Amino acid sequence: MIKIKNNSIKMKEIRKKIDSVDSRILPLMVKRSELVCKALELKTKKSEIIDVKRINQIKKKVVLQSRKLGGNPKLMSKIWISMIQNFIDFERRNFKK
């Protein structure tokens, strides 16, 4: 019974720390989305939305930085690709030219 209560307390502490990290990530994501909107305004053709070379550069950078920081490169790369794909979808929906 004590172990369950201890785990519950530990879980609450971990979740509080996750919430703290999330509160620092969200403003950066908002800033990134603003920059994506500015980049979209400069694009004249829908074909400019996807830049495979740029995406590959980002993936390599994420893998290298993840390793350097002691993170899981595969997980971080998948998260980044998911984020990029969501921004691509956003750009496709909002392309105005």
PDB file of N, CA and C in Angstrom:
ATOM      1  N   MET A   1       0.821  -1.190   0.000  1.00  0.00           N
ATOM      2  CA  MET A   1       0.000   0.000   0.000  1.00  0.00           C
ATOM      3  C   MET A   1       0.869   1.260   0.000  1.00  0.00           C
ATOM      4  N   ILE A   2       1.933   1.253   0.775  1.00  0.00           N
ATOM      5  CA  ILE A   2       2.809   2.417   0.840  1.00  0.00           C
ATOM      6  C   ILE A   2       3.500   2.638  -0.510  1.00  0.00           C
ATOM      7  N   LYS A   3       3.900   1.539  -1.167  1.00  0.00           N
ATOM      8  CA  LYS A   3       4.585   1.652  -2.453  1.00  0.00           C
ATOM      9  C   LYS A   3       3.689   2.329  -3.493  1.00  0.00           C
ATOM     10  N   ILE A   4       2.422   1.984  -3.521  1.00  0.00           N
ATOM     11  CA  ILE A   4       1.479   2.589  -4.466  1.00  0.00           C
ATOM     12  C   ILE A   4       1.372   4.084  -4.207  1.00  0.00           C
ATOM     13  N   LYS A   5       1.285   4.467  -2.947  1.00  0.00           N
ATOM     14  CA  LYS A   5       1.180   5.881  -2.594  1.00  0.00           C
ATOM     15  C   LYS A   5       2.464   6.612  -2.993  1.00  0.00           C
ATOM     16  N   ASN A   6       3.611   5.988  -2.737  1.00  0.00           N
ATOM     17  CA  ASN A   6       4.899   6.559  -3.129  1.00  0.00           C
ATOM     18  C   ASN A   6       4.971   6.761  -4.637  1.00  0.00           C
ATOM     19  N   ASN A   7       4.539   5.750  -5.394  1.00  0.00           N
ATOM     20  CA  ASN A   7       4.538   5.851  -6.852  1.00  0.00           C
ATOM     21  C   ASN A   7       3.603   6.961  -7.308  1.00  0.00           C
ATOM     22  N   SER A   8       2.479   7.092  -6.649  1.00  0.00           N
ATOM     23  CA  SER A   8       1.524   8.135  -6.994  1.00  0.00           C
ATOM     24  C   SER A   8       2.131   9.518  -6.776  1.00  0.00           C
ATOM     25  N   ILE A   9       2.839   9.674  -5.665  1.00  0.00           N
ATOM     26  CA  ILE A   9       3.501  10.953  -5.367  1.00  0.00           C
ATOM     27  C   ILE A   9       4.597  11.219  -6.390  1.00  0.00           C
ATOM     28  N   LYS A  10       5.391  10.188  -6.711  1.00  0.00           N
ATOM     29  CA  LYS A  10       6.451  10.340  -7.707  1.00  0.00           C
ATOM     30  C   LYS A  10       5.866  10.707  -9.076  1.00  0.00           C
ATOM     31  N   MET A  11       4.748  10.058  -9.433  1.00  0.00           N
ATOM     32  CA  MET A  11       4.113  10.342 -10.714  1.00  0.00           C
ATOM     33  C   MET A  11       3.648  11.794 -10.777  1.00  0.00           C
ATOM     34  N   LYS A  12       3.078  12.284  -9.694  1.00  0.00           N
ATOM     35  CA  LYS A  12       2.634  13.683  -9.652  1.00  0.00           C
ATOM     36  C   LYS A  12       3.813  14.631  -9.822  1.00  0.00           C
ATOM     37  N   GLU A  13       4.931  14.309  -9.195  1.00  0.00           N
ATOM     38  CA  GLU A  13       6.139  15.136  -9.307  1.00  0.00           C
ATOM     39  C   GLU A  13       6.661  15.142 -10.746  1.00  0.00           C
ATOM     40  N   ILE A  14       6.693  13.970 -11.351  1.00  0.00           N
ATOM     41  CA  ILE A  14       7.163  13.869 -12.734  1.00  0.00           C
ATOM     42  C   ILE A  14       6.239  14.632 -13.664  1.00  0.00           C
ATOM     43  N   ARG A  15       4.936  14.484 -13.477  1.00  0.00           N
ATOM     44  CA  ARG A  15       3.971  15.190 -14.328  1.00  0.00           C
ATOM     45  C   ARG A  15       4.089  16.703 -14.157  1.00  0.00           C
ATOM     46  N   LYS A  16       4.370  17.138 -12.951  1.00  0.00           N
ATOM     47  CA  LYS A  16       4.565  18.569 -12.703  1.00  0.00           C
ATOM     48  C   LYS A  16       5.781  19.071 -13.483  1.00  0.00           C
ATOM     49  N   LYS A  17       6.847  18.268 -13.502  1.00  0.00           N
ATOM     50  CA  LYS A  17       8.046  18.636 -14.260  1.00  0.00           C
ATOM     51  C   LYS A  17       7.770  18.638 -15.765  1.00  0.00           C
ATOM     52  N   ILE A  18       6.990  17.666 -16.229  1.00  0.00           N
ATOM     53  CA  ILE A  18       6.606  17.624 -17.645  1.00  0.00           C
ATOM     54  C   ILE A  18       5.812  18.879 -18.000  1.00  0.00           C
ATOM     55  N   ASP A  19       4.877  19.252 -17.140  1.00  0.00           N
ATOM     56  CA  ASP A  19       4.088  20.469 -17.371  1.00  0.00           C
ATOM     57  C   ASP A  19       4.983  21.700 -17.441  1.00  0.00           C
ATOM     58  N   SER A  20       5.999  21.738 -16.609  1.00  0.00           N
ATOM     59  CA  SER A  20       6.939  22.857 -16.612  1.00  0.00           C
ATOM     60  C   SER A  20       7.713  22.924 -17.932  1.00  0.00           C
ATOM     61  N   VAL A  21       8.160  21.769 -18.406  1.00  0.00           N
ATOM     62  CA  VAL A  21       8.863  21.721 -19.693  1.00  0.00           C
ATOM     63  C   VAL A  21       7.914  22.135 -20.817  1.00  0.00           C
ATOM     64  N   ASP A  22       6.691  21.615 -20.788  1.00  0.00           N
ATOM     65  CA  ASP A  22       5.703  21.960 -21.814  1.00  0.00           C
ATOM     66  C   ASP A  22       5.443  23.462 -21.855  1.00  0.00           C
ATOM     67  N   SER A  23       5.425  24.091 -20.688  1.00  0.00           N
ATOM     68  CA  SER A  23       5.155  25.535 -20.652  1.00  0.00           C
ATOM     69  C   SER A  23       6.308  26.336 -21.263  1.00  0.00           C
ATOM     70  N   ARG A  24       7.491  25.731 -21.348  1.00  0.00           N
ATOM     71  CA  ARG A  24       8.617  26.392 -22.018  1.00  0.00           C
ATOM     72  C   ARG A  24       8.647  26.065 -23.510  1.00  0.00           C
ATOM     73  N   ILE A  25       8.142  24.878 -23.873  1.00  0.00           N
ATOM     74  CA  ILE A  25       8.118  24.468 -25.285  1.00  0.00           C
ATOM     75  C   ILE A  25       7.047  25.240 -26.057  1.00  0.00           C
ATOM     76  N   LEU A  26       5.882  25.417 -25.476  1.00  0.00           N
ATOM     77  CA  LEU A  26       4.752  26.016 -26.197  1.00  0.00           C
ATOM     78  C   LEU A  26       5.060  27.391 -26.780  1.00  0.00           C
ATOM     79  N   PRO A  27       5.650  28.324 -26.031  1.00  0.00           N
ATOM     80  CA  PRO A  27       5.965  29.624 -26.645  1.00  0.00           C
ATOM     81  C   PRO A  27       6.922  29.493 -27.839  1.00  0.00           C
ATOM     82  N   LEU A  28       7.826  28.529 -27.787  1.00  0.00           N
ATOM     83  CA  LEU A  28       8.737  28.308 -28.908  1.00  0.00           C
ATOM     84  C   LEU A  28       7.985  27.761 -30.119  1.00  0.00           C
ATOM     85  N   MET A  29       7.013  26.896 -29.874  1.00  0.00           N
ATOM     86  CA  MET A  29       6.193  26.369 -30.966  1.00  0.00           C
ATOM     87  C   MET A  29       5.351  27.479 -31.597  1.00  0.00           C
ATOM     88  N   VAL A  30       4.831  28.370 -30.770  1.00  0.00           N
ATOM     89  CA  VAL A  30       4.062  29.504 -31.290  1.00  0.00           C
ATOM     90  C   VAL A  30       4.970  30.376 -32.154  1.00  0.00           C
ATOM     91  N   LYS A  31       6.175  30.652 -31.683  1.00  0.00           N
ATOM     92  CA  LYS A  31       7.130  31.451 -32.449  1.00  0.00           C
ATOM     93  C   LYS A  31       7.474  30.752 -33.754  1.00  0.00           C
ATOM     94  N   ARG A  32       7.668  29.439 -33.709  1.00  0.00           N
ATOM     95  CA  ARG A  32       7.970  28.684 -34.928  1.00  0.00           C
ATOM     96  C   ARG A  32       6.824  28.795 -35.924  1.00  0.00           C
ATOM     97  N   SER A  33       5.595  28.696 -35.436  1.00  0.00           N
ATOM     98  CA  SER A  33       4.442  28.784 -36.337  1.00  0.00           C
ATOM     99  C   SER A  33       4.342  30.176 -36.967  1.00  0.00           C
ATOM    100  N   GLU A  34       4.692  31.207 -36.219  1.00  0.00           N
ATOM    101  CA  GLU A  34       4.704  32.567 -36.774  1.00  0.00           C
ATOM    102  C   GLU A  34       5.741  32.674 -37.897  1.00  0.00           C
ATOM    103  N   LEU A  35       6.899  32.074 -37.689  1.00  0.00           N
ATOM    104  CA  LEU A  35       7.948  32.102 -38.708  1.00  0.00           C
ATOM    105  C   LEU A  35       7.552  31.287 -39.942  1.00  0.00           C
ATOM    106  N   VAL A  36       6.870  30.171 -39.721  1.00  0.00           N
ATOM    107  CA  VAL A  36       6.374  29.372 -40.842  1.00  0.00           C
ATOM    108  C   VAL A  36       5.385  30.202 -41.662  1.00  0.00           C
ATOM    109  N   CYS A  37       4.529  30.963 -40.995  1.00  0.00           N
ATOM    110  CA  CYS A  37       3.576  31.830 -41.704  1.00  0.00           C
ATOM    111  C   CYS A  37       4.301  32.882 -42.535  1.00  0.00           C
ATOM    112  N   LYS A  38       5.357  33.452 -41.979  1.00  0.00           N
ATOM    113  CA  LYS A  38       6.143  34.443 -42.731  1.00  0.00           C
ATOM    114  C   LYS A  38       6.816  33.794 -43.938  1.00  0.00           C
ATOM    115  N   ALA A  39       7.342  32.594 -43.761  1.00  0.00           N
ATOM    116  CA  ALA A  39       7.967  31.876 -44.871  1.00  0.00           C
ATOM    117  C   ALA A  39       6.923  31.558 -45.941  1.00  0.00           C
ATOM    118  N   LEU A  40       5.732  31.182 -45.517  1.00  0.00           N
ATOM    119  CA  LEU A  40       4.660  30.852 -46.462  1.00  0.00           C
ATOM    120  C   LEU A  40       4.298  32.063 -47.321  1.00  0.00           C
ATOM    121  N   GLU A  41       4.316  33.241 -46.730  1.00  0.00           N
ATOM    122  CA  GLU A  41       4.008  34.467 -47.481  1.00  0.00           C
ATOM    123  C   GLU A  41       5.003  34.702 -48.620  1.00  0.00           C
ATOM    124  N   LEU A  42       6.218  34.200 -48.474  1.00  0.00           N
ATOM    125  CA  LEU A  42       7.257  34.389 -49.487  1.00  0.00           C
ATOM    126  C   LEU A  42       7.184  33.350 -50.610  1.00  0.00           C
ATOM    127  N   LYS A  43       6.443  32.285 -50.390  1.00  0.00           N
ATOM    128  CA  LYS A  43       6.367  31.216 -51.391  1.00  0.00           C
ATOM    129  C   LYS A  43       5.361  31.589 -52.474  1.00  0.00           C
ATOM    130  N   THR A  44       5.797  31.448 -53.728  1.00  0.00           N
ATOM    131  CA  THR A  44       4.942  31.821 -54.854  1.00  0.00           C
ATOM    132  C   THR A  44       4.304  30.612 -55.531  1.00  0.00           C
ATOM    133  N   LYS A  45       4.865  29.425 -55.282  1.00  0.00           N
ATOM    134  CA  LYS A  45       4.325  28.197 -55.869  1.00  0.00           C
ATOM    135  C   LYS A  45       4.101  27.169 -54.772  1.00  0.00           C
ATOM    136  N   LYS A  46       3.045  26.404 -54.921  1.00  0.00           N
ATOM    137  CA  LYS A  46       2.747  25.370 -53.936  1.00  0.00           C
ATOM    138  C   LYS A  46       3.879  24.347 -53.839  1.00  0.00           C
ATOM    139  N   SER A  47       4.601  24.167 -54.924  1.00  0.00           N
ATOM    140  CA  SER A  47       5.705  23.200 -54.943  1.00  0.00           C
ATOM    141  C   SER A  47       6.854  23.619 -54.018  1.00  0.00           C
ATOM    142  N   GLU A  48       6.850  24.881 -53.592  1.00  0.00           N
ATOM    143  CA  GLU A  48       7.895  25.363 -52.686  1.00  0.00           C
ATOM    144  C   GLU A  48       7.632  24.984 -51.231  1.00  0.00           C
ATOM    145  N   ILE A  49       6.465  24.456 -50.963  1.00  0.00           N
ATOM    146  CA  ILE A  49       6.099  24.128 -49.574  1.00  0.00           C
ATOM    147  C   ILE A  49       7.005  23.037 -49.009  1.00  0.00           C
ATOM    148  N   ILE A  50       7.296  22.028 -49.812  1.00  0.00           N
ATOM    149  CA  ILE A  50       8.149  20.934 -49.334  1.00  0.00           C
ATOM    150  C   ILE A  50       9.549  21.106 -49.915  1.00  0.00           C
ATOM    151  N   ASP A  51      10.539  21.215 -49.021  1.00  0.00           N
ATOM    152  CA  ASP A  51      11.941  21.313 -49.407  1.00  0.00           C
ATOM    153  C   ASP A  51      12.655  20.106 -48.801  1.00  0.00           C
ATOM    154  N   VAL A  52      12.756  19.049 -49.595  1.00  0.00           N
ATOM    155  CA  VAL A  52      13.311  17.781 -49.113  1.00  0.00           C
ATOM    156  C   VAL A  52      14.731  17.958 -48.589  1.00  0.00           C
ATOM    157  N   LYS A  53      15.519  18.762 -49.270  1.00  0.00           N
ATOM    158  CA  LYS A  53      16.904  18.995 -48.832  1.00  0.00           C
ATOM    159  C   LYS A  53      16.916  19.610 -47.436  1.00  0.00           C
ATOM    160  N   ARG A  54      16.071  20.600 -47.213  1.00  0.00           N
ATOM    161  CA  ARG A  54      15.974  21.269 -45.898  1.00  0.00           C
ATOM    162  C   ARG A  54      15.500  20.282 -44.825  1.00  0.00           C
ATOM    163  N   ILE A  55      14.512  19.478 -45.154  1.00  0.00           N
ATOM    164  CA  ILE A  55      13.988  18.491 -44.191  1.00  0.00           C
ATOM    165  C   ILE A  55      15.092  17.511 -43.803  1.00  0.00           C
ATOM    166  N   ASN A  56      15.879  17.059 -44.777  1.00  0.00           N
ATOM    167  CA  ASN A  56      16.977  16.130 -44.476  1.00  0.00           C
ATOM    168  C   ASN A  56      18.044  16.783 -43.604  1.00  0.00           C
ATOM    169  N   GLN A  57      18.324  18.059 -43.862  1.00  0.00           N
ATOM    170  CA  GLN A  57      19.285  18.787 -43.026  1.00  0.00           C
ATOM    171  C   GLN A  57      18.786  18.862 -41.580  1.00  0.00           C
ATOM    172  N   ILE A  58      17.504  19.160 -41.418  1.00  0.00           N
ATOM    173  CA  ILE A  58      16.907  19.250 -40.080  1.00  0.00           C
ATOM    174  C   ILE A  58      16.990  17.904 -39.374  1.00  0.00           C
ATOM    175  N   LYS A  59      16.639  16.825 -40.094  1.00  0.00           N
ATOM    176  CA  LYS A  59      16.687  15.486 -39.490  1.00  0.00           C
ATOM    177  C   LYS A  59      18.091  15.152 -38.999  1.00  0.00           C
ATOM    178  N   LYS A  60      19.093  15.432 -39.828  1.00  0.00           N
ATOM    179  CA  LYS A  60      20.479  15.148 -39.428  1.00  0.00           C
ATOM    180  C   LYS A  60      20.862  15.955 -38.188  1.00  0.00           C
ATOM    181  N   LYS A  61      20.486  17.225 -38.186  1.00  0.00           N
ATOM    182  CA  LYS A  61      20.812  18.091 -37.055  1.00  0.00           C
ATOM    183  C   LYS A  61      20.138  17.594 -35.773  1.00  0.00           C
ATOM    184  N   VAL A  62      18.887  17.185 -35.887  1.00  0.00           N
ATOM    185  CA  VAL A  62      18.150  16.695 -34.717  1.00  0.00           C
ATOM    186  C   VAL A  62      18.805  15.419 -34.176  1.00  0.00           C
ATOM    187  N   VAL A  63      19.179  14.526 -35.056  1.00  0.00           N
ATOM    188  CA  VAL A  63      19.832  13.278 -34.627  1.00  0.00           C
ATOM    189  C   VAL A  63      21.148  13.587 -33.918  1.00  0.00           C
ATOM    190  N   LEU A  64      21.968  14.439 -34.520  1.00  0.00           N
ATOM    191  CA  LEU A  64      23.266  14.771 -33.917  1.00  0.00           C
ATOM    192  C   LEU A  64      23.103  15.473 -32.570  1.00  0.00           C
ATOM    193  N   GLN A  65      22.207  16.448 -32.505  1.00  0.00           N
ATOM    194  CA  GLN A  65      21.995  17.171 -31.250  1.00  0.00           C
ATOM    195  C   GLN A  65      21.383  16.271 -30.183  1.00  0.00           C
ATOM    196  N   SER A  66      20.496  15.370 -30.583  1.00  0.00           N
ATOM    197  CA  SER A  66      19.906  14.429 -29.628  1.00  0.00           C
ATOM    198  C   SER A  66      20.982  13.557 -28.996  1.00  0.00           C
ATOM    199  N   ARG A  67      21.862  13.046 -29.834  1.00  0.00           N
ATOM    200  CA  ARG A  67      22.963  12.216 -29.315  1.00  0.00           C
ATOM    201  C   ARG A  67      23.828  13.013 -28.347  1.00  0.00           C
ATOM    202  N   LYS A  68      24.158  14.236 -28.752  1.00  0.00           N
ATOM    203  CA  LYS A  68      25.015  15.091 -27.927  1.00  0.00           C
ATOM    204  C   LYS A  68      24.368  15.366 -26.569  1.00  0.00           C
ATOM    205  N   LEU A  69      23.044  15.494 -26.554  1.00  0.00           N
ATOM    206  CA  LEU A  69      22.321  15.798 -25.317  1.00  0.00           C
ATOM    207  C   LEU A  69      21.928  14.546 -24.523  1.00  0.00           C
ATOM    208  N   GLY A  70      22.254  13.366 -25.066  1.00  0.00           N
ATOM    209  CA  GLY A  70      21.930  12.122 -24.371  1.00  0.00           C
ATOM    210  C   GLY A  70      20.488  11.683 -24.570  1.00  0.00           C
ATOM    211  N   GLY A  71      19.861  12.192 -25.619  1.00  0.00           N
ATOM    212  CA  GLY A  71      18.473  11.829 -25.911  1.00  0.00           C
ATOM    213  C   GLY A  71      18.387  10.634 -26.838  1.00  0.00           C
ATOM    214  N   ASN A  72      17.181  10.291 -27.188  1.00  0.00           N
ATOM    215  CA  ASN A  72      16.920   9.175 -28.092  1.00  0.00           C
ATOM    216  C   ASN A  72      16.771   9.751 -29.506  1.00  0.00           C
ATOM    217  N   PRO A  73      17.799   9.617 -30.354  1.00  0.00           N
ATOM    218  CA  PRO A  73      17.765  10.231 -31.684  1.00  0.00           C
ATOM    219  C   PRO A  73      16.588   9.782 -32.548  1.00  0.00           C
ATOM    220  N   LYS A  74      16.245   8.506 -32.475  1.00  0.00           N
ATOM    221  CA  LYS A  74      15.143   7.986 -33.292  1.00  0.00           C
ATOM    222  C   LYS A  74      13.816   8.625 -32.862  1.00  0.00           C
ATOM    223  N   LEU A  75      13.598   8.686 -31.560  1.00  0.00           N
ATOM    224  CA  LEU A  75      12.369   9.294 -31.045  1.00  0.00           C
ATOM    225  C   LEU A  75      12.303  10.770 -31.403  1.00  0.00           C
ATOM    226  N   MET A  76      13.398  11.490 -31.172  1.00  0.00           N
ATOM    227  CA  MET A  76      13.417  12.933 -31.458  1.00  0.00           C
ATOM    228  C   MET A  76      13.207  13.200 -32.944  1.00  0.00           C
ATOM    229  N   SER A  77      13.809  12.388 -33.789  1.00  0.00           N
ATOM    230  CA  SER A  77      13.653  12.541 -35.229  1.00  0.00           C
ATOM    231  C   SER A  77      12.195  12.331 -35.636  1.00  0.00           C
ATOM    232  N   LYS A  78      11.557  11.313 -35.076  1.00  0.00           N
ATOM    233  CA  LYS A  78      10.142  11.054 -35.390  1.00  0.00           C
ATOM    234  C   LYS A  78       9.253  12.213 -34.933  1.00  0.00           C
ATOM    235  N   ILE A  79       9.543  12.758 -33.770  1.00  0.00           N
ATOM    236  CA  ILE A  79       8.766  13.899 -33.273  1.00  0.00           C
ATOM    237  C   ILE A  79       8.946  15.089 -34.209  1.00  0.00           C
ATOM    238  N   TRP A  80      10.182  15.343 -34.618  1.00  0.00           N
ATOM    239  CA  TRP A  80      10.451  16.485 -35.505  1.00  0.00           C
ATOM    240  C   TRP A  80       9.770  16.302 -36.855  1.00  0.00           C
ATOM    241  N   ILE A  81       9.843  15.096 -37.409  1.00  0.00           N
ATOM    242  CA  ILE A  81       9.203  14.833 -38.701  1.00  0.00           C
ATOM    243  C   ILE A  81       7.696  15.021 -38.582  1.00  0.00           C
ATOM    244  N   SER A  82       7.128  14.584 -37.482  1.00  0.00           N
ATOM    245  CA  SER A  82       5.695  14.787 -37.257  1.00  0.00           C
ATOM    246  C   SER A  82       5.357  16.276 -37.217  1.00  0.00           C
ATOM    247  N   MET A  83       6.181  17.051 -36.525  1.00  0.00           N
ATOM    248  CA  MET A  83       5.961  18.493 -36.441  1.00  0.00           C
ATOM    249  C   MET A  83       6.072  19.117 -37.833  1.00  0.00           C
ATOM    250  N   ILE A  84       7.108  18.749 -38.563  1.00  0.00           N
ATOM    251  CA  ILE A  84       7.297  19.293 -39.911  1.00  0.00           C
ATOM    252  C   ILE A  84       6.109  18.936 -40.804  1.00  0.00           C
ATOM    253  N   GLN A  85       5.651  17.704 -40.730  1.00  0.00           N
ATOM    254  CA  GLN A  85       4.515  17.275 -41.547  1.00  0.00           C
ATOM    255  C   GLN A  85       3.268  18.086 -41.205  1.00  0.00           C
ATOM    256  N   ASN A  86       3.067  18.377 -39.944  1.00  0.00           N
ATOM    257  CA  ASN A  86       1.921  19.190 -39.550  1.00  0.00           C
ATOM    258  C   ASN A  86       2.037  20.618 -40.080  1.00  0.00           C
ATOM    259  N   PHE A  87       3.237  21.170 -40.080  1.00  0.00           N
ATOM    260  CA  PHE A  87       3.421  22.507 -40.656  1.00  0.00           C
ATOM    261  C   PHE A  87       3.246  22.477 -42.178  1.00  0.00           C
ATOM    262  N   ILE A  88       3.677  21.401 -42.837  1.00  0.00           N
ATOM    263  CA  ILE A  88       3.456  21.264 -44.278  1.00  0.00           C
ATOM    264  C   ILE A  88       1.958  21.239 -44.567  1.00  0.00           C
ATOM    265  N   ASP A  89       1.213  20.451 -43.793  1.00  0.00           N
ATOM    266  CA  ASP A  89      -0.249  20.392 -43.957  1.00  0.00           C
ATOM    267  C   ASP A  89      -0.862  21.771 -43.760  1.00  0.00           C
ATOM    268  N   PHE A  90      -0.391  22.495 -42.746  1.00  0.00           N
ATOM    269  CA  PHE A  90      -0.868  23.854 -42.482  1.00  0.00           C
ATOM    270  C   PHE A  90      -0.596  24.760 -43.688  1.00  0.00           C
ATOM    271  N   GLU A  91       0.627  24.680 -44.220  1.00  0.00           N
ATOM    272  CA  GLU A  91       0.987  25.517 -45.361  1.00  0.00           C
ATOM    273  C   GLU A  91       0.133  25.185 -46.586  1.00  0.00           C
ATOM    274  N   ARG A  92      -0.106  23.918 -46.828  1.00  0.00           N
ATOM    275  CA  ARG A  92      -0.944  23.521 -47.975  1.00  0.00           C
ATOM    276  C   ARG A  92      -2.358  24.097 -47.836  1.00  0.00           C
ATOM    277  N   ARG A  93      -2.904  24.057 -46.620  1.00  0.00           N
ATOM    278  CA  ARG A  93      -4.261  24.574 -46.391  1.00  0.00           C
ATOM    279  C   ARG A  93      -4.317  26.085 -46.529  1.00  0.00           C
ATOM    280  N   ASN A  94      -3.215  26.761 -46.230  1.00  0.00           N
ATOM    281  CA  ASN A  94      -3.217  28.225 -46.176  1.00  0.00           C
ATOM    282  C   ASN A  94      -2.495  28.906 -47.337  1.00  0.00           C
ATOM    283  N   PHE A  95      -2.052  28.117 -48.316  1.00  0.00           N
ATOM    284  CA  PHE A  95      -1.377  28.695 -49.459  1.00  0.00           C
ATOM    285  C   PHE A  95      -2.358  29.548 -50.252  1.00  0.00           C
ATOM    286  N   LYS A  96      -1.992  30.792 -50.538  1.00  0.00           N
ATOM    287  CA  LYS A  96      -2.937  31.747 -51.156  1.00  0.00           C
ATOM    288  C   LYS A  96      -2.568  32.191 -52.560  1.00  0.00           C
ATOM    289  N   LYS A  97      -1.537  31.682 -53.168  1.00  0.00           N
ATOM    290  CA  LYS A  97      -1.116  32.190 -54.491  1.00  0.00           C
ATOM    291  C   LYS A  97      -1.856  31.529 -55.620  1.00  0.00           C
TER     292      LYS A  97
END
